[in-house]
Amino acid sequence: QIVGKVVKIADADTITVLDADKTQHRI
């Protein structure tokens, strides 16, 4: 489970989330 903030929206089904460790995850 990832808890974070969205920092990028590629399109309506793909986003990038920044977690508390400052790691970016492409979702």
PDB file of all heavy atoms in Angstrom:
ATOM      1  N   GLN A   1       0.843  -1.187   0.000  1.00  0.00           N
ATOM      2  CA  GLN A   1       0.000   0.000   0.000  1.00  0.00           C
ATOM      3  C   GLN A   1       0.875   1.232   0.000  1.00  0.00           C
ATOM      4  O   GLN A   1       1.873   1.298   0.717  1.00  0.00           O
ATOM      5  CB  GLN A   1      -0.911  -0.009   1.224  1.00  0.00           C
ATOM      6  CG  GLN A   1      -1.913   1.117   1.255  1.00  0.00           C
ATOM      7  CD  GLN A   1      -3.098   0.779   2.130  1.00  0.00           C
ATOM      8  OE1 GLN A   1      -3.941  -0.015   1.735  1.00  0.00           O
ATOM      9  NE2 GLN A   1      -3.174   1.363   3.305  1.00  0.00           N
ATOM     10  N   ILE A   2       0.509   2.190  -0.819  1.00  0.00           N
ATOM     11  CA  ILE A   2       1.265   3.434  -0.916  1.00  0.00           C
ATOM     12  C   ILE A   2       0.369   4.585  -0.489  1.00  0.00           C
ATOM     13  O   ILE A   2      -0.763   4.719  -0.967  1.00  0.00           O
ATOM     14  CB  ILE A   2       1.762   3.669  -2.361  1.00  0.00           C
ATOM     15  CG1 ILE A   2       2.760   2.584  -2.768  1.00  0.00           C
ATOM     16  CG2 ILE A   2       2.396   5.055  -2.495  1.00  0.00           C
ATOM     17  CD1 ILE A   2       3.104   2.597  -4.240  1.00  0.00           C
ATOM     18  N   VAL A   3       0.866   5.397   0.409  1.00  0.00           N
ATOM     19  CA  VAL A   3       0.172   6.606   0.831  1.00  0.00           C
ATOM     20  C   VAL A   3       1.024   7.782   0.367  1.00  0.00           C
ATOM     21  O   VAL A   3       2.222   7.843   0.654  1.00  0.00           O
ATOM     22  CB  VAL A   3       0.000   6.657   2.362  1.00  0.00           C
ATOM     23  CG1 VAL A   3      -0.711   7.941   2.779  1.00  0.00           C
ATOM     24  CG2 VAL A   3      -0.759   5.438   2.847  1.00  0.00           C
ATOM     25  N   GLY A   4       0.435   8.692  -0.372  1.00  0.00           N
ATOM     26  CA  GLY A   4       1.240   9.795  -0.887  1.00  0.00           C
ATOM     27  C   GLY A   4       0.425  10.865  -1.574  1.00  0.00           C
ATOM     28  O   GLY A   4      -0.800  10.926  -1.451  1.00  0.00           O
ATOM     29  N   LYS A   5       1.132  11.700  -2.300  1.00  0.00           N
ATOM     30  CA  LYS A   5       0.523  12.831  -2.985  1.00  0.00           C
ATOM     31  C   LYS A   5       0.799  12.724  -4.481  1.00  0.00           C
ATOM     32  O   LYS A   5       1.919  12.421  -4.895  1.00  0.00           O
ATOM     33  CB  LYS A   5       1.093  14.139  -2.444  1.00  0.00           C
ATOM     34  CG  LYS A   5       0.328  15.398  -2.877  1.00  0.00           C
ATOM     35  CD  LYS A   5       0.903  16.618  -2.197  1.00  0.00           C
ATOM     36  CE  LYS A   5       0.071  17.855  -2.484  1.00  0.00           C
ATOM     37  NZ  LYS A   5      -1.243  17.828  -1.821  1.00  0.00           N
ATOM     38  N   VAL A   6      -0.217  12.988  -5.280  1.00  0.00           N
ATOM     39  CA  VAL A   6      -0.071  12.936  -6.737  1.00  0.00           C
ATOM     40  C   VAL A   6       0.752  14.139  -7.199  1.00  0.00           C
ATOM     41  O   VAL A   6       0.410  15.286  -6.902  1.00  0.00           O
ATOM     42  CB  VAL A   6      -1.445  12.942  -7.431  1.00  0.00           C
ATOM     43  CG1 VAL A   6      -1.281  12.980  -8.949  1.00  0.00           C
ATOM     44  CG2 VAL A   6      -2.251  11.711  -7.023  1.00  0.00           C
ATOM     45  N   VAL A   7       1.843  13.855  -7.919  1.00  0.00           N
ATOM     46  CA  VAL A   7       2.702  14.931  -8.405  1.00  0.00           C
ATOM     47  C   VAL A   7       2.687  15.044  -9.929  1.00  0.00           C
ATOM     48  O   VAL A   7       3.228  15.985 -10.492  1.00  0.00           O
ATOM     49  CB  VAL A   7       4.160  14.746  -7.912  1.00  0.00           C
ATOM     50  CG1 VAL A   7       4.232  14.936  -6.401  1.00  0.00           C
ATOM     51  CG2 VAL A   7       4.718  13.372  -8.314  1.00  0.00           C
ATOM     52  N   LYS A   8       2.061  14.057 -10.586  1.00  0.00           N
ATOM     53  CA  LYS A   8       1.975  14.109 -12.046  1.00  0.00           C
ATOM     54  C   LYS A   8       0.787  13.275 -12.514  1.00  0.00           C
ATOM     55  O   LYS A   8       0.516  12.215 -11.960  1.00  0.00           O
ATOM     56  CB  LYS A   8       3.259  13.577 -12.698  1.00  0.00           C
ATOM     57  CG  LYS A   8       3.262  13.650 -14.224  1.00  0.00           C
ATOM     58  CD  LYS A   8       4.568  13.126 -14.806  1.00  0.00           C
ATOM     59  CE  LYS A   8       4.558  13.178 -16.330  1.00  0.00           C
ATOM     60  NZ  LYS A   8       5.815  12.640 -16.911  1.00  0.00           N
ATOM     61  N   ILE A   9       0.092  13.796 -13.528  1.00  0.00           N
ATOM     62  CA  ILE A   9      -1.007  13.052 -14.148  1.00  0.00           C
ATOM     63  C   ILE A   9      -0.667  12.881 -15.628  1.00  0.00           C
ATOM     64  O   ILE A   9      -0.643  13.850 -16.379  1.00  0.00           O
ATOM     65  CB  ILE A   9      -2.341  13.802 -14.004  1.00  0.00           C
ATOM     66  CG1 ILE A   9      -2.657  14.030 -12.517  1.00  0.00           C
ATOM     67  CG2 ILE A   9      -3.470  13.024 -14.667  1.00  0.00           C
ATOM     68  CD1 ILE A   9      -3.898  14.871 -12.284  1.00  0.00           C
ATOM     69  N   ALA A  10      -0.375  11.638 -16.030  1.00  0.00           N
ATOM     70  CA  ALA A  10      -0.040  11.377 -17.434  1.00  0.00           C
ATOM     71  C   ALA A  10      -1.298  11.430 -18.283  1.00  0.00           C
ATOM     72  O   ALA A  10      -1.328  12.031 -19.354  1.00  0.00           O
ATOM     73  CB  ALA A  10       0.651  10.023 -17.578  1.00  0.00           C
ATOM     74  N   ASP A  11      -2.336  10.770 -17.806  1.00  0.00           N
ATOM     75  CA  ASP A  11      -3.669  10.808 -18.431  1.00  0.00           C
ATOM     76  C   ASP A  11      -4.639  10.314 -17.378  1.00  0.00           C
ATOM     77  O   ASP A  11      -4.276  10.211 -16.199  1.00  0.00           O
ATOM     78  CB  ASP A  11      -3.726   9.994 -19.729  1.00  0.00           C
ATOM     79  CG  ASP A  11      -3.245   8.558 -19.563  1.00  0.00           C
ATOM     80  OD1 ASP A  11      -3.447   7.995 -18.465  1.00  0.00           O
ATOM     81  OD2 ASP A  11      -2.689   7.992 -20.517  1.00  0.00           O
ATOM     82  N   ALA A  12      -5.865  10.007 -17.769  1.00  0.00           N
ATOM     83  CA  ALA A  12      -6.888   9.702 -16.764  1.00  0.00           C
ATOM     84  C   ALA A  12      -6.764   8.326 -16.122  1.00  0.00           C
ATOM     85  O   ALA A  12      -7.575   7.985 -15.259  1.00  0.00           O
ATOM     86  CB  ALA A  12      -8.277   9.870 -17.372  1.00  0.00           C
ATOM     87  N   ASP A  13      -5.766   7.527 -16.496  1.00  0.00           N
ATOM     88  CA  ASP A  13      -5.588   6.246 -15.807  1.00  0.00           C
ATOM     89  C   ASP A  13      -4.150   5.995 -15.356  1.00  0.00           C
ATOM     90  O   ASP A  13      -3.815   4.902 -14.920  1.00  0.00           O
ATOM     91  CB  ASP A  13      -6.085   5.070 -16.667  1.00  0.00           C
ATOM     92  CG  ASP A  13      -5.364   4.960 -18.007  1.00  0.00           C
ATOM     93  OD1 ASP A  13      -4.176   5.310 -18.082  1.00  0.00           O
ATOM     94  OD2 ASP A  13      -6.006   4.538 -18.987  1.00  0.00           O
ATOM     95  N   THR A  14      -3.302   7.027 -15.443  1.00  0.00           N
ATOM     96  CA  THR A  14      -1.906   6.871 -15.027  1.00  0.00           C
ATOM     97  C   THR A  14      -1.431   8.118 -14.290  1.00  0.00           C
ATOM     98  O   THR A  14      -1.520   9.222 -14.826  1.00  0.00           O
ATOM     99  CB  THR A  14      -0.987   6.612 -16.241  1.00  0.00           C
ATOM    100  OG1 THR A  14      -1.482   5.492 -16.987  1.00  0.00           O
ATOM    101  CG2 THR A  14       0.435   6.311 -15.798  1.00  0.00           C
ATOM    102  N   ILE A  15      -0.939   7.925 -13.066  1.00  0.00           N
ATOM    103  CA  ILE A  15      -0.475   9.040 -12.255  1.00  0.00           C
ATOM    104  C   ILE A  15       0.875   8.695 -11.633  1.00  0.00           C
ATOM    105  O   ILE A  15       1.298   7.534 -11.634  1.00  0.00           O
ATOM    106  CB  ILE A  15      -1.473   9.375 -11.126  1.00  0.00           C
ATOM    107  CG1 ILE A  15      -1.684   8.161 -10.204  1.00  0.00           C
ATOM    108  CG2 ILE A  15      -2.799   9.864 -11.709  1.00  0.00           C
ATOM    109  CD1 ILE A  15      -2.594   8.412  -9.011  1.00  0.00           C
ATOM    110  N   THR A  16       1.545   9.702 -11.090  1.00  0.00           N
ATOM    111  CA  THR A  16       2.773   9.498 -10.323  1.00  0.00           C
ATOM    112  C   THR A  16       2.522   9.985  -8.906  1.00  0.00           C
ATOM    113  O   THR A  16       2.017  11.096  -8.701  1.00  0.00           O
ATOM    114  CB  THR A  16       3.954  10.258 -10.935  1.00  0.00           C
ATOM    115  OG1 THR A  16       4.168   9.785 -12.280  1.00  0.00           O
ATOM    116  CG2 THR A  16       5.227  10.036 -10.135  1.00  0.00           C
ATOM    117  N   VAL A  17       2.857   9.148  -7.929  1.00  0.00           N
ATOM    118  CA  VAL A  17       2.615   9.457  -6.524  1.00  0.00           C
ATOM    119  C   VAL A  17       3.938   9.551  -5.770  1.00  0.00           C
ATOM    120  O   VAL A  17       4.802   8.681  -5.904  1.00  0.00           O
ATOM    121  CB  VAL A  17       1.720   8.370  -5.879  1.00  0.00           C
ATOM    122  CG1 VAL A  17       1.559   8.626  -4.387  1.00  0.00           C
ATOM    123  CG2 VAL A  17       0.357   8.340  -6.566  1.00  0.00           C
ATOM    124  N   LEU A  18       4.081  10.613  -4.972  1.00  0.00           N
ATOM    125  CA  LEU A  18       5.255  10.813  -4.130  1.00  0.00           C
ATOM    126  C   LEU A  18       4.916  10.365  -2.721  1.00  0.00           C
ATOM    127  O   LEU A  18       3.953  10.861  -2.121  1.00  0.00           O
ATOM    128  CB  LEU A  18       5.654  12.292  -4.130  1.00  0.00           C
ATOM    129  CG  LEU A  18       6.850  12.680  -3.245  1.00  0.00           C
ATOM    130  CD1 LEU A  18       8.145  12.120  -3.832  1.00  0.00           C
ATOM    131  CD2 LEU A  18       6.935  14.200  -3.096  1.00  0.00           C
ATOM    132  N   ASP A  19       5.700   9.409  -2.190  1.00  0.00           N
ATOM    133  CA  ASP A  19       5.400   8.927  -0.840  1.00  0.00           C
ATOM    134  C   ASP A  19       6.215   9.681   0.206  1.00  0.00           C
ATOM    135  O   ASP A  19       6.965  10.616  -0.108  1.00  0.00           O
ATOM    136  CB  ASP A  19       5.609   7.414  -0.739  1.00  0.00           C
ATOM    137  CG  ASP A  19       7.071   6.980  -0.854  1.00  0.00           C
ATOM    138  OD1 ASP A  19       7.979   7.838  -0.715  1.00  0.00           O
ATOM    139  OD2 ASP A  19       7.313   5.771  -1.090  1.00  0.00           O
ATOM    140  N   ALA A  20       6.069   9.284   1.471  1.00  0.00           N
ATOM    141  CA  ALA A  20       6.723   9.985   2.570  1.00  0.00           C
ATOM    142  C   ALA A  20       8.240   9.890   2.528  1.00  0.00           C
ATOM    143  O   ALA A  20       8.939  10.715   3.111  1.00  0.00           O
ATOM    144  CB  ALA A  20       6.205   9.441   3.901  1.00  0.00           C
ATOM    145  N   ASP A  21       8.765   8.862   1.845  1.00  0.00           N
ATOM    146  CA  ASP A  21      10.221   8.705   1.706  1.00  0.00           C
ATOM    147  C   ASP A  21      10.757   9.459   0.491  1.00  0.00           C
ATOM    148  O   ASP A  21      11.901   9.273   0.095  1.00  0.00           O
ATOM    149  CB  ASP A  21      10.579   7.221   1.587  1.00  0.00           C
ATOM    150  CG  ASP A  21      10.241   6.447   2.843  1.00  0.00           C
ATOM    151  OD1 ASP A  21      10.409   7.020   3.940  1.00  0.00           O
ATOM    152  OD2 ASP A  21       9.804   5.287   2.735  1.00  0.00           O
ATOM    153  N   LYS A  22       9.877  10.257  -0.120  1.00  0.00           N
ATOM    154  CA  LYS A  22      10.207  11.051  -1.305  1.00  0.00           C
ATOM    155  C   LYS A  22      10.533  10.163  -2.510  1.00  0.00           C
ATOM    156  O   LYS A  22      11.299  10.545  -3.398  1.00  0.00           O
ATOM    157  CB  LYS A  22      11.367  12.016  -1.026  1.00  0.00           C
ATOM    158  CG  LYS A  22      11.048  13.041   0.052  1.00  0.00           C
ATOM    159  CD  LYS A  22      12.176  14.046   0.219  1.00  0.00           C
ATOM    160  CE  LYS A  22      11.832  15.077   1.292  1.00  0.00           C
ATOM    161  NZ  LYS A  22      12.914  16.078   1.463  1.00  0.00           N
ATOM    162  N   THR A  23       9.936   8.977  -2.528  1.00  0.00           N
ATOM    163  CA  THR A  23      10.071   8.069  -3.662  1.00  0.00           C
ATOM    164  C   THR A  23       8.859   8.246  -4.564  1.00  0.00           C
ATOM    165  O   THR A  23       7.722   8.290  -4.080  1.00  0.00           O
ATOM    166  CB  THR A  23      10.149   6.605  -3.196  1.00  0.00           C
ATOM    167  OG1 THR A  23      11.285   6.440  -2.348  1.00  0.00           O
ATOM    168  CG2 THR A  23      10.270   5.658  -4.386  1.00  0.00           C
ATOM    169  N   GLN A  24       9.102   8.355  -5.853  1.00  0.00           N
ATOM    170  CA  GLN A  24       8.004   8.493  -6.804  1.00  0.00           C
ATOM    171  C   GLN A  24       7.608   7.127  -7.355  1.00  0.00           C
ATOM    172  O   GLN A  24       8.456   6.308  -7.685  1.00  0.00           O
ATOM    173  CB  GLN A  24       8.395   9.425  -7.957  1.00  0.00           C
ATOM    174  CG  GLN A  24       8.570  10.875  -7.524  1.00  0.00           C
ATOM    175  CD  GLN A  24       8.651  11.829  -8.705  1.00  0.00           C
ATOM    176  OE1 GLN A  24       8.412  11.449  -9.849  1.00  0.00           O
ATOM    177  NE2 GLN A  24       8.988  13.079  -8.426  1.00  0.00           N
ATOM    178  N   HIS A  25       6.300   6.901  -7.444  1.00  0.00           N
ATOM    179  CA  HIS A  25       5.763   5.644  -7.956  1.00  0.00           C
ATOM    180  C   HIS A  25       4.820   5.955  -9.117  1.00  0.00           C
ATOM    181  O   HIS A  25       3.896   6.766  -8.964  1.00  0.00           O
ATOM    182  CB  HIS A  25       4.967   4.909  -6.872  1.00  0.00           C
ATOM    183  CG  HIS A  25       5.740   4.673  -5.608  1.00  0.00           C
ATOM    184  ND1 HIS A  25       6.523   3.557  -5.408  1.00  0.00           N
ATOM    185  CD2 HIS A  25       5.845   5.431  -4.479  1.00  0.00           C
ATOM    186  CE1 HIS A  25       7.073   3.614  -4.211  1.00  0.00           C
ATOM    187  NE2 HIS A  25       6.676   4.737  -3.616  1.00  0.00           N
ATOM    188  N   ARG A  26       5.058   5.315 -10.254  1.00  0.00           N
ATOM    189  CA  ARG A  26       4.153   5.481 -11.393  1.00  0.00           C
ATOM    190  C   ARG A  26       3.030   4.461 -11.245  1.00  0.00           C
ATOM    191  O   ARG A  26       3.284   3.255 -11.170  1.00  0.00           O
ATOM    192  CB  ARG A  26       4.897   5.284 -12.714  1.00  0.00           C
ATOM    193  CG  ARG A  26       4.120   5.822 -13.910  1.00  0.00           C
ATOM    194  CD  ARG A  26       5.055   6.163 -15.054  1.00  0.00           C
ATOM    195  NE  ARG A  26       4.306   6.757 -16.155  1.00  0.00           N
ATOM    196  CZ  ARG A  26       4.162   6.203 -17.352  1.00  0.00           C
ATOM    197  NH1 ARG A  26       4.724   5.045 -17.617  1.00  0.00           N
ATOM    198  NH2 ARG A  26       3.480   6.812 -18.299  1.00  0.00           N
ATOM    199  N   ILE A  27       1.803   4.950 -11.198  1.00  0.00           N
ATOM    200  CA  ILE A  27       0.648   4.099 -10.906  1.00  0.00           C
ATOM    201  C   ILE A  27      -0.280   4.004 -12.106  1.00  0.00           C
ATOM    202  O   ILE A  27      -0.676   5.012 -12.690  1.00  0.00           O
ATOM    203  CB  ILE A  27      -0.166   4.663  -9.718  1.00  0.00           C
ATOM    204  CG1 ILE A  27       0.744   4.965  -8.514  1.00  0.00           C
ATOM    205  CG2 ILE A  27      -1.296   3.711  -9.359  1.00  0.00           C
ATOM    206  CD1 ILE A  27       1.402   3.769  -7.895  1.00  0.00           C
TER     207      ILE A  27
END
